[in-house]
């Protein structure tokens, strides 16, 4: 099992190219199941979750051909098995995104209950309720969601869907399913993350009729069929935010190509309050940091608030900043698992339920630590970059699920980091 060895204390300088977003690429790969025509996706990140999704759709009979430029050409014209088996999706909760497209196009789908990071409860009941409102019969048996249209019904029906909570994957599933439904579907309390309008824009290129994407109310008029298209996956705002925190913590001057300030308002506001300089430049974002920053309190919430996927990385910045800060996690109930590992490195953090209180320290010391989930692993990399001595990070398969060659990108801007077997 691979590990990362980080030798801290280096200042970061130069440029980093931000890859396509995992959380956009996965639903967009599933969206290709809605048509029998070829779809070309550009800017597809090289990630374990993407590889798993490609295996999943190939297992259904779909052809997916990676190109030398990082794009993938997908053709679901020969799809023969509308099923997502447990063996292929046990490590990836995004498998649930196959449910809506398969049901919309074929009238049936069998999808394993998803896996993924152990950061808390992420129930699929909202997906099931929404698709049932569109006329599907769904049962959960032996760890699978088995969905079918009632006898005599050939298409899903438009519906008014209001979820009990804001759900990103739920919004994406309903959005995709509704494109081929009879009549109008209205999604209330829809997620507004940038990956949602990016998916909607791809679907519109395929012939879908969608309005209001990027707001809490989306309207979809169903069409008879969708066709192929060419689409570029939006840049990964969480990868961008992770590098912003790394540069802010270690000091230096780095340009993040393809980064978008308008996708990271809440994080950038906190970085500026901490004392970092963050500004838009042509084709990206420039971040500059000099000296010790000031610790910042924040509360995670749905977009456009502070993202839960940036909580651990910003905490790594806080632990070496001046002063005290309070971090409140409102999205997932088990997302402080990085705290004991940071404490091993000398961080002063106390947790009480959903709240962590951080007292900044002047320095951390390298240690052997263990990644517990995707974003926790990124936070430990940042902690290792600012620590004195060597930090050895175990279980980095979590990191590989969501970051495209992170250690190579960090080496490119001056970090002393290597992957060891």
Protein backbone atom coordinates (compact mmCIF):
# COMPACT_ATOMS: atom_id res chain seq x y z
CA UNK A 1 0.00 0.00 0.00
CA UNK A 2 1.41 3.39 -1.04
CA UNK A 3 2.28 6.12 1.45
CA UNK A 4 3.32 9.75 1.12
CA UNK A 5 6.56 11.00 2.65
CA UNK A 6 6.54 14.76 3.25
CA UNK A 7 9.54 16.78 4.41
CA UNK A 8 8.20 20.09 5.64
CA UNK A 9 9.48 23.64 5.62
CA UNK A 10 9.55 24.44 1.89
CA UNK A 11 8.09 27.63 0.43
CA UNK A 12 5.81 27.09 -2.57
CA UNK A 13 6.35 29.05 -5.80
CA UNK A 14 5.14 28.72 -9.40
CA UNK A 15 2.02 27.46 -11.17
CA UNK A 16 -0.40 24.56 -10.68
CA UNK A 17 -2.93 23.37 -13.25
CA UNK A 18 -6.25 22.59 -11.54
CA UNK A 19 -7.84 19.42 -12.90
CA UNK A 20 -11.46 18.77 -13.81
CA UNK A 21 -13.80 18.33 -10.85
CA UNK A 22 -14.43 14.81 -9.59
CA UNK A 23 -17.89 15.89 -8.42
CA UNK A 24 -18.74 17.06 -11.95
CA UNK A 25 -17.02 14.28 -13.91
CA UNK A 26 -18.86 11.45 -12.09
CA UNK A 27 -22.44 12.65 -12.77
CA UNK A 28 -21.45 13.66 -16.29
CA UNK A 29 -20.13 10.16 -16.99
CA UNK A 30 -23.52 8.86 -15.79
CA UNK A 31 -25.31 11.39 -18.01
CA UNK A 32 -23.79 9.70 -21.06
CA UNK A 33 -26.09 6.75 -20.27
CA UNK A 34 -29.07 8.91 -21.34
CA UNK A 35 -28.22 8.69 -25.05
CA UNK A 36 -27.25 6.09 -27.64
CA UNK A 37 -24.96 8.65 -29.31
CA UNK A 38 -21.28 9.25 -28.62
CA UNK A 39 -20.34 11.87 -26.00
CA UNK A 40 -16.87 13.43 -25.68
CA UNK A 41 -15.84 14.68 -22.24
CA UNK A 42 -12.75 16.89 -21.99
CA UNK A 43 -10.73 17.71 -18.85
CA UNK A 44 -11.57 14.39 -17.17
CA UNK A 45 -9.39 14.03 -14.03
CA UNK A 46 -7.17 10.97 -13.53
CA UNK A 47 -8.71 9.71 -10.29
CA UNK A 48 -9.54 6.37 -8.72
CA UNK A 49 -13.24 7.23 -8.53
CA UNK A 50 -13.27 8.14 -12.23
CA UNK A 51 -11.57 4.84 -13.08
CA UNK A 52 -14.18 3.02 -11.00
CA UNK A 53 -17.03 4.82 -12.77
CA UNK A 54 -15.54 3.97 -16.17
CA UNK A 55 -15.30 0.31 -15.13
CA UNK A 56 -18.91 0.47 -13.97
CA UNK A 57 -20.32 1.79 -17.25
CA UNK A 58 -18.12 -0.54 -19.30
CA UNK A 59 -19.53 -3.43 -17.29
CA UNK A 60 -22.98 -2.36 -18.55
CA UNK A 61 -21.84 -2.68 -22.18
CA UNK A 62 -20.78 0.96 -22.72
CA UNK A 63 -17.60 1.78 -24.65
CA UNK A 64 -15.35 4.39 -23.00
CA UNK A 65 -12.12 5.28 -24.80
CA UNK A 66 -9.60 7.57 -23.08
CA UNK A 67 -7.76 9.92 -25.45
CA UNK A 68 -4.18 11.14 -25.25
CA UNK A 69 -5.36 14.70 -24.44
CA UNK A 70 -7.16 13.62 -21.25
CA UNK A 71 -10.62 13.42 -22.82
CA UNK A 72 -12.85 10.33 -22.93
CA UNK A 73 -15.25 9.30 -25.72
CA UNK A 74 -18.23 7.38 -24.33
CA UNK A 75 -20.87 5.53 -26.33
CA UNK A 76 -23.78 3.91 -24.49
CA UNK A 77 -25.50 2.77 -27.69
CA UNK A 78 -24.69 -0.84 -26.89
CA UNK A 79 -25.67 -0.75 -23.21
CA UNK A 80 -27.02 -4.21 -22.41
CA UNK A 81 -27.11 -4.50 -18.61
CA UNK A 82 -28.66 -1.62 -16.61
CA UNK A 83 -27.04 -2.77 -13.37
CA UNK A 84 -24.40 -1.35 -11.02
CA UNK A 85 -23.08 -4.32 -8.98
CA UNK A 86 -21.71 -4.06 -5.45
CA UNK A 87 -18.23 -5.30 -6.43
CA UNK A 88 -17.72 -2.22 -8.62
CA UNK A 89 -19.30 0.47 -6.45
CA UNK A 90 -18.51 -0.54 -2.87
CA UNK A 91 -15.84 2.17 -2.57
CA UNK A 92 -17.77 4.94 -4.33
CA UNK A 93 -21.05 6.49 -3.26
CA UNK A 94 -21.45 8.24 -6.63
CA UNK A 95 -22.72 4.93 -8.02
CA UNK A 96 -26.22 6.06 -7.03
CA UNK A 97 -26.01 8.57 -9.91
CA UNK A 98 -26.54 5.71 -12.39
CA UNK A 99 -30.06 5.13 -11.02
CA UNK A 100 -31.83 8.11 -12.60
CA UNK A 101 -30.32 7.90 -16.12
CA UNK A 102 -30.82 4.12 -16.40
CA UNK A 103 -34.40 4.34 -15.19
CA UNK A 104 -35.17 7.26 -17.53
CA UNK A 105 -33.77 5.61 -20.66
CA UNK A 106 -34.50 1.91 -20.09
CA UNK A 107 -37.37 1.92 -17.62
CA UNK A 108 -35.42 -0.21 -15.15
CA UNK A 109 -32.24 -0.17 -13.07
CA UNK A 110 -30.57 -2.27 -10.39
CA UNK A 111 -28.02 -0.28 -8.40
CA UNK A 112 -26.08 -1.35 -5.33
CA UNK A 113 -26.38 0.80 -2.24
CA UNK A 114 -23.27 2.98 -2.37
CA UNK A 115 -20.05 3.02 -0.35
CA UNK A 116 -17.41 5.77 -0.09
CA UNK A 117 -15.72 7.64 2.75
CA UNK A 118 -16.79 6.77 6.31
CA UNK A 119 -17.59 10.37 7.26
CA UNK A 120 -21.20 9.89 8.28
CA UNK A 121 -24.70 9.03 7.16
CA UNK A 122 -25.57 9.85 3.56
CA UNK A 123 -28.94 8.17 3.04
CA UNK A 124 -30.32 7.42 -0.41
CA UNK A 125 -33.93 7.74 0.75
CA UNK A 126 -34.21 11.18 -0.88
CA UNK A 127 -33.23 9.66 -4.26
CA UNK A 128 -35.82 6.92 -3.85
CA UNK A 129 -38.63 9.30 -2.81
CA UNK A 130 -37.95 11.65 -5.71
CA UNK A 131 -37.90 8.92 -8.35
CA UNK A 132 -41.03 7.36 -6.83
CA UNK A 133 -42.71 10.75 -7.23
CA UNK A 134 -41.85 10.46 -10.93
CA UNK A 135 -43.74 7.16 -11.11
CA UNK A 136 -41.03 4.56 -10.47
CA UNK A 137 -41.55 1.45 -8.35
CA UNK A 138 -38.45 1.01 -6.17
CA UNK A 139 -37.64 -1.64 -3.58
CA UNK A 140 -34.43 -2.18 -1.58
CA UNK A 141 -33.48 -5.86 -1.37
CA UNK A 142 -30.21 -7.61 -0.51
CA UNK A 143 -28.28 -4.33 -0.61
CA UNK A 144 -29.64 -3.23 -3.99
CA UNK A 145 -32.09 -0.58 -5.16
CA UNK A 146 -34.30 -2.25 -7.75
CA UNK A 147 -36.27 0.26 -9.81
CA UNK A 148 -38.84 -0.33 -12.54
CA UNK A 149 -41.64 1.51 -14.28
CA UNK A 150 -45.15 0.18 -13.59
CA UNK A 151 -46.59 -2.20 -16.16
CA UNK A 152 -47.84 -0.30 -19.20
CA UNK A 153 -45.82 2.84 -18.38
CA UNK A 154 -43.00 3.56 -20.83
CA UNK A 155 -41.53 6.75 -19.35
CA UNK A 156 -41.06 8.51 -16.06
CA UNK A 157 -43.57 11.28 -15.40
CA UNK A 158 -42.80 14.89 -14.58
CA UNK A 159 -43.28 15.75 -10.91
CA UNK A 160 -42.87 18.49 -8.31
CA UNK A 161 -40.03 17.30 -6.04
CA UNK A 162 -39.11 19.01 -2.78
CA UNK A 163 -36.37 17.21 -0.87
CA UNK A 164 -36.26 17.16 2.95
CA UNK A 165 -32.65 18.39 2.78
CA UNK A 166 -30.33 19.88 0.19
CA UNK A 167 -28.78 16.91 -1.61
CA UNK A 168 -26.24 17.34 -4.39
CA UNK A 169 -26.40 13.82 -5.81
CA UNK A 170 -30.18 13.81 -5.36
CA UNK A 171 -30.49 17.00 -7.40
CA UNK A 172 -28.23 15.51 -10.07
CA UNK A 173 -30.18 12.24 -10.21
CA UNK A 174 -33.54 14.02 -10.56
CA UNK A 175 -32.11 16.46 -13.10
CA UNK A 176 -30.87 13.63 -15.34
CA UNK A 177 -34.00 11.50 -14.92
CA UNK A 178 -36.32 14.42 -15.69
CA UNK A 179 -34.73 15.16 -19.09
CA UNK A 180 -36.50 12.10 -20.59
CA UNK A 181 -39.67 12.21 -18.47
CA UNK A 182 -43.17 13.04 -19.73
CA UNK A 183 -44.01 16.67 -18.95
CA UNK A 184 -42.45 19.17 -16.56
CA UNK A 185 -40.41 18.42 -13.45
CA UNK A 186 -39.79 21.12 -10.84
CA UNK A 187 -36.99 20.63 -8.30
CA UNK A 188 -37.40 22.69 -5.12
CA UNK A 189 -34.63 23.00 -2.50
CA UNK A 190 -32.18 22.04 -5.26
CA UNK A 191 -28.43 22.06 -4.59
CA UNK A 192 -26.59 25.05 -6.08
CA UNK A 193 -22.98 23.82 -6.18
CA UNK A 194 -21.14 24.80 -9.42
CA UNK A 195 -21.09 21.15 -10.48
CA UNK A 196 -24.92 21.25 -10.82
CA UNK A 197 -25.08 23.98 -13.51
CA UNK A 198 -22.09 22.34 -15.23
CA UNK A 199 -24.07 19.09 -15.50
CA UNK A 200 -27.14 21.04 -16.65
CA UNK A 201 -25.14 22.79 -19.37
CA UNK A 202 -23.93 19.41 -20.62
CA UNK A 203 -27.49 18.08 -20.68
CA UNK A 204 -28.66 21.19 -22.57
CA UNK A 205 -25.96 20.51 -25.19
CA UNK A 206 -27.50 17.02 -25.46
CA UNK A 207 -30.92 18.53 -26.19
CA UNK A 208 -32.42 18.85 -22.69
CA UNK A 209 -34.70 21.78 -21.76
CA UNK A 210 -33.61 23.13 -18.35
CA UNK A 211 -34.06 26.47 -16.59
CA UNK A 212 -32.98 27.76 -13.19
CA UNK A 213 -29.88 25.58 -12.73
CA UNK A 214 -27.59 27.21 -10.19
CA UNK A 215 -30.60 28.32 -8.11
CA UNK A 216 -32.72 26.47 -5.56
CA UNK A 217 -35.55 25.94 -8.09
CA UNK A 218 -34.90 24.09 -11.35
CA UNK A 219 -37.46 23.42 -14.10
CA UNK A 220 -37.01 20.62 -16.62
CA UNK A 221 -39.24 19.98 -19.63
CA UNK A 222 -38.88 16.35 -20.70
CA UNK A 223 -37.89 15.58 -24.30
CA UNK A 224 -38.26 12.42 -26.41
CA UNK A 225 -34.54 11.75 -26.77
CA UNK A 226 -31.12 13.20 -26.12
CA UNK A 227 -28.18 13.23 -28.54
CA UNK A 228 -24.41 13.28 -28.21
CA UNK A 229 -22.30 16.33 -27.39
CA UNK A 230 -18.82 17.58 -26.52
CA UNK A 231 -18.33 19.05 -23.06
CA UNK A 232 -15.40 20.11 -20.84
CA UNK A 233 -15.61 19.23 -17.13
CA UNK A 234 -15.51 22.33 -14.90
CA UNK A 235 -12.34 22.89 -12.84
CA UNK A 236 -12.26 21.30 -9.38
CA UNK A 237 -13.00 24.04 -6.82
CA UNK A 238 -12.06 21.73 -3.91
CA UNK A 239 -8.66 20.88 -5.40
CA UNK A 240 -8.21 24.60 -5.99
CA UNK A 241 -9.22 25.39 -2.40
CA UNK A 242 -6.84 22.73 -1.09
CA UNK A 243 -3.89 24.30 -2.91
CA UNK A 244 -4.97 27.76 -1.71
CA UNK A 245 -4.76 26.50 1.89
CA UNK A 246 -1.42 24.76 1.24
CA UNK A 247 0.17 27.96 -0.10
CA UNK A 248 -1.41 30.08 2.66
CA UNK A 249 -0.05 27.73 5.33
CA UNK A 250 3.46 27.32 3.94
CA UNK A 251 3.97 30.76 2.44
CA UNK A 252 4.89 31.58 -1.13
CA UNK A 253 3.38 32.79 -4.37
CA UNK A 254 1.45 30.43 -6.65
CA UNK A 255 -0.92 30.81 -9.63
CA UNK A 256 -3.67 28.20 -9.86
CA UNK A 257 -4.55 27.83 -13.54
CA UNK A 258 -8.28 27.26 -14.28
CA UNK A 259 -9.16 28.17 -10.68
CA UNK A 260 -12.28 30.33 -10.32
CA UNK A 261 -12.72 32.82 -7.50
CA UNK A 262 -16.51 32.89 -8.00
CA UNK A 263 -16.69 29.19 -7.05
CA UNK A 264 -14.83 29.68 -3.74
CA UNK A 265 -16.16 32.93 -2.27
CA UNK A 266 -16.59 31.65 1.31
CA UNK A 267 -13.13 30.04 1.48
CA UNK A 268 -11.37 32.99 -0.13
CA UNK A 269 -13.07 35.47 2.21
CA UNK A 270 -11.65 33.52 5.18
CA UNK A 271 -8.18 33.31 3.60
CA UNK A 272 -8.14 37.08 3.09
CA UNK A 273 -9.29 37.66 6.66
CA UNK A 274 -6.45 35.38 7.77
CA UNK A 275 -3.95 37.61 5.98
CA UNK A 276 -3.34 35.87 2.65
CA UNK A 277 -3.58 37.75 -0.65
CA UNK A 278 -5.91 36.08 -3.14
CA UNK A 279 -6.75 37.68 -6.48
CA UNK A 280 -8.15 36.75 -9.87
CA UNK A 281 -5.64 36.74 -12.72
CA UNK A 282 -6.12 35.89 -16.37
CA UNK A 283 -7.00 32.19 -16.54
CA UNK A 284 -6.86 31.52 -12.81
CA UNK A 285 -6.18 32.62 -9.22
CA UNK A 286 -3.00 33.95 -7.62
CA UNK A 287 -2.40 33.37 -3.90
CA UNK A 288 0.41 34.96 -1.91
CA UNK A 289 1.21 34.45 1.75
CA UNK A 290 3.91 35.95 3.94
CA UNK A 291 4.42 35.24 7.63
CA UNK A 292 2.09 33.64 10.15
CA UNK A 293 -1.62 34.08 9.45
CA UNK A 294 -4.52 34.65 11.88
CA UNK A 295 -6.79 31.72 12.81
CA UNK A 296 -10.35 31.96 11.43
CA UNK A 297 -13.61 30.55 12.79
CA UNK A 298 -16.14 29.19 10.31
CA UNK A 299 -19.22 27.02 9.99
CA UNK A 300 -19.74 24.54 7.16
CA UNK A 301 -23.00 24.73 5.25
CA UNK A 302 -24.47 24.15 1.79
CA UNK A 303 -23.17 26.13 -1.18
CA UNK A 304 -22.58 29.05 -1.41
CA UNK A 305 -21.54 28.75 2.25
CA UNK A 306 -18.26 27.31 3.51
CA UNK A 307 -17.97 23.79 2.00
CA UNK A 308 -17.67 20.76 4.26
CA UNK A 309 -15.14 19.43 1.74
CA UNK A 310 -12.77 22.29 2.73
CA UNK A 311 -13.17 22.01 6.50
CA UNK A 312 -10.20 19.70 7.17
CA UNK A 313 -7.81 21.60 4.88
CA UNK A 314 -8.63 24.96 6.47
CA UNK A 315 -8.22 23.40 9.90
CA UNK A 316 -4.66 22.44 8.88
CA UNK A 317 -4.07 26.13 8.20
CA UNK A 318 -5.68 27.15 11.50
CA UNK A 319 -3.53 24.86 13.65
CA UNK A 320 -0.38 26.83 12.71
CA UNK A 321 -2.03 30.26 12.66
CA UNK A 322 -1.96 32.87 15.38
CA UNK A 323 -4.82 32.87 17.91
CA UNK A 324 -7.84 30.63 18.45
CA UNK A 325 -10.66 29.56 16.15
CA UNK A 326 -13.89 27.57 16.36
CA UNK A 327 -14.91 25.25 13.54
CA UNK A 328 -18.51 23.99 13.40
CA UNK A 329 -19.30 21.05 11.10
CA UNK A 330 -23.00 20.95 10.21
CA UNK A 331 -23.06 18.59 7.20
CA UNK A 332 -21.52 15.29 8.33
CA UNK A 333 -21.50 13.97 11.89
CA UNK A 334 -18.18 12.14 11.66
CA UNK A 335 -15.88 14.56 9.89
CA UNK A 336 -13.29 15.32 12.58
CA UNK A 337 -11.36 12.07 12.15
CA UNK A 338 -8.28 14.01 11.05
CA UNK A 339 -8.10 15.70 14.48
CA UNK A 340 -6.31 12.87 16.38
CA UNK A 341 -3.75 12.63 13.57
CA UNK A 342 -3.05 16.37 13.69
CA UNK A 343 -2.75 16.12 17.46
CA UNK A 344 0.02 13.54 16.93
CA UNK A 345 1.87 16.28 15.08
CA UNK A 346 1.48 18.76 17.95
CA UNK A 347 -1.78 20.51 17.04
CA UNK A 348 -3.89 21.87 19.92
CA UNK A 349 -7.49 20.92 19.07
CA UNK A 350 -10.44 20.07 21.30
CA UNK A 351 -13.64 18.62 19.89
CA UNK A 352 -17.13 18.48 21.34
CA UNK A 353 -19.70 16.97 19.01
CA UNK A 354 -19.94 19.16 15.94
CA UNK A 355 -17.50 21.79 17.24
CA UNK A 356 -13.70 21.87 17.19
CA UNK A 357 -11.74 24.58 19.02
CA UNK A 358 -8.22 25.19 17.72
CA UNK A 359 -5.43 27.01 19.57
CA UNK A 360 -2.77 27.88 17.02
CA UNK A 361 0.79 26.68 17.64
CA UNK A 362 4.02 28.10 16.27
CA UNK A 363 5.03 24.85 14.62
CA UNK A 364 4.12 21.19 14.06
CA UNK A 365 6.50 18.24 14.14
CA UNK A 366 6.52 15.46 11.57
CA UNK A 367 5.00 12.10 12.56
CA UNK A 368 3.53 8.93 11.11
CA UNK A 369 -0.17 9.55 10.54
CA UNK A 370 -3.10 7.77 8.89
CA UNK A 371 -5.61 9.18 6.42
CA UNK A 372 -9.22 8.33 7.30
CA UNK A 373 -11.06 9.88 4.35
CA UNK A 374 -10.48 11.90 1.19
CA UNK A 375 -10.34 15.44 2.57
CA UNK A 376 -8.68 14.34 5.82
CA UNK A 377 -5.81 12.96 3.75
CA UNK A 378 -5.39 16.33 2.01
CA UNK A 379 -5.35 18.10 5.38
CA UNK A 380 -2.55 15.83 6.58
CA UNK A 381 -0.52 16.64 3.47
CA UNK A 382 -0.85 20.37 4.29
CA UNK A 383 0.10 19.70 7.92
CA UNK A 384 3.13 17.74 6.71
CA UNK A 385 4.19 20.59 4.43
CA UNK A 386 4.40 23.00 7.38
CA UNK A 387 5.79 20.54 9.96
CA UNK A 388 9.45 20.22 10.86
CA UNK A 389 11.00 16.89 9.90
CA UNK A 390 9.31 14.03 8.07
CA UNK A 391 5.64 13.13 7.97
CA UNK A 392 4.63 9.70 6.66
CA UNK A 393 0.97 9.50 5.59
CA UNK A 394 -0.59 6.04 5.38
CA UNK A 395 -3.76 4.98 3.52
CA UNK A 396 -3.39 7.54 0.74
CA UNK A 397 -5.73 5.53 -1.46
CA UNK A 398 -8.28 7.98 -0.03
CA UNK A 399 -6.28 10.85 -1.56
CA UNK A 400 -6.10 9.11 -4.94
CA UNK A 401 -9.91 8.94 -5.04
CA UNK A 402 -10.21 12.72 -5.30
CA UNK A 403 -6.89 14.38 -6.20
CA UNK A 404 -5.24 14.10 -9.61
CA UNK A 405 -1.49 13.40 -9.00
CA UNK A 406 -1.35 15.71 -5.99
CA UNK A 407 2.21 14.92 -4.98
CA UNK A 408 3.51 15.61 -8.52
CA UNK A 409 1.74 18.98 -8.59
CA UNK A 410 3.15 19.90 -5.17
CA UNK A 411 6.67 18.89 -6.23
CA UNK A 412 6.24 21.16 -9.25
CA UNK A 413 5.90 24.20 -6.95
CA UNK A 414 8.74 23.32 -4.59
CA UNK A 415 7.37 20.84 -2.04
CA UNK A 416 9.57 17.97 -0.83
CA UNK A 417 7.10 15.11 -1.16
CA UNK A 418 7.28 11.62 -2.62
CA UNK A 419 5.16 8.51 -2.95
CA UNK A 420 6.72 5.44 -1.32
CA UNK A 421 5.65 1.83 -1.75
